[in-house]
């Protein structure tokens, strides 16, 4: 079960576990959507989109 923290300004709940995208582009692009979908399914709602490739943004948008 994912735990969340409430942001002091605005009250948004962010998952205590986030997912970074900096190395995602080094893996198989066919697996990117599966990785992101698994994160969403397990309650991750904090994603660091500072990736090493612009393709990460396209993939993230498609999965959303």
Protein backbone atom coordinates (compact mmCIF):
# COMPACT_ATOMS: atom_id res chain seq x y z
CA UNK A 1 0.00 0.00 0.00
CA UNK A 2 1.45 3.33 -1.06
CA UNK A 3 1.94 5.99 1.58
CA UNK A 4 1.40 9.65 0.77
CA UNK A 5 2.53 12.95 2.24
CA UNK A 6 0.42 16.07 2.16
CA UNK A 7 2.13 19.13 0.73
CA UNK A 8 1.90 22.08 3.15
CA UNK A 9 0.87 24.55 0.44
CA UNK A 10 -2.12 23.37 -1.55
CA UNK A 11 -2.75 20.09 0.23
CA UNK A 12 -1.80 17.79 -2.66
CA UNK A 13 -0.91 14.23 -1.72
CA UNK A 14 2.38 12.97 -3.17
CA UNK A 15 3.50 9.38 -3.02
CA UNK A 16 6.45 8.75 -0.72
CA UNK A 17 8.06 6.78 -3.54
CA UNK A 18 8.72 8.60 -6.78
CA UNK A 19 9.95 7.41 -10.14
CA UNK A 20 12.91 9.02 -11.88
CA UNK A 21 13.17 9.01 -15.67
CA UNK A 22 16.86 9.87 -16.12
CA UNK A 23 17.85 6.33 -17.16
CA UNK A 24 14.59 5.09 -18.66
CA UNK A 25 15.85 5.83 -22.19
CA UNK A 26 18.66 3.29 -21.73
CA UNK A 27 16.19 0.41 -21.59
CA UNK A 28 14.00 -1.16 -24.25
CA UNK A 29 11.48 1.48 -25.47
CA UNK A 30 8.83 -1.25 -25.73
CA UNK A 31 9.04 -1.68 -21.95
CA UNK A 32 8.70 2.03 -21.07
CA UNK A 33 4.88 2.04 -21.09
CA UNK A 34 4.80 -1.12 -18.97
CA UNK A 35 7.12 0.44 -16.38
CA UNK A 36 5.07 3.64 -16.19
CA UNK A 37 1.75 1.78 -16.06
CA UNK A 38 3.03 -0.38 -13.19
CA UNK A 39 3.99 2.77 -11.31
CA UNK A 40 0.55 4.30 -11.81
CA UNK A 41 -1.15 1.05 -10.78
CA UNK A 42 0.83 0.98 -7.56
CA UNK A 43 0.00 4.54 -6.54
CA UNK A 44 3.07 6.47 -7.65
CA UNK A 45 2.05 10.01 -8.52
CA UNK A 46 5.44 11.74 -8.33
CA UNK A 47 7.53 11.44 -11.49
CA UNK A 48 10.83 13.19 -12.15
CA UNK A 49 10.68 13.85 -15.89
CA UNK A 50 14.23 15.16 -16.12
CA UNK A 51 15.18 12.42 -18.53
CA UNK A 52 18.16 11.75 -20.70
CA UNK A 53 16.01 11.66 -23.82
CA UNK A 54 13.07 13.68 -25.18
CA UNK A 55 11.33 10.38 -26.00
CA UNK A 56 10.56 10.00 -22.28
CA UNK A 57 8.12 12.94 -22.49
CA UNK A 58 6.27 11.43 -25.45
CA UNK A 59 5.99 8.05 -23.76
CA UNK A 60 4.79 9.58 -20.49
CA UNK A 61 2.10 11.54 -22.34
CA UNK A 62 0.93 8.48 -24.24
CA UNK A 63 0.64 6.42 -21.07
CA UNK A 64 -1.37 9.18 -19.37
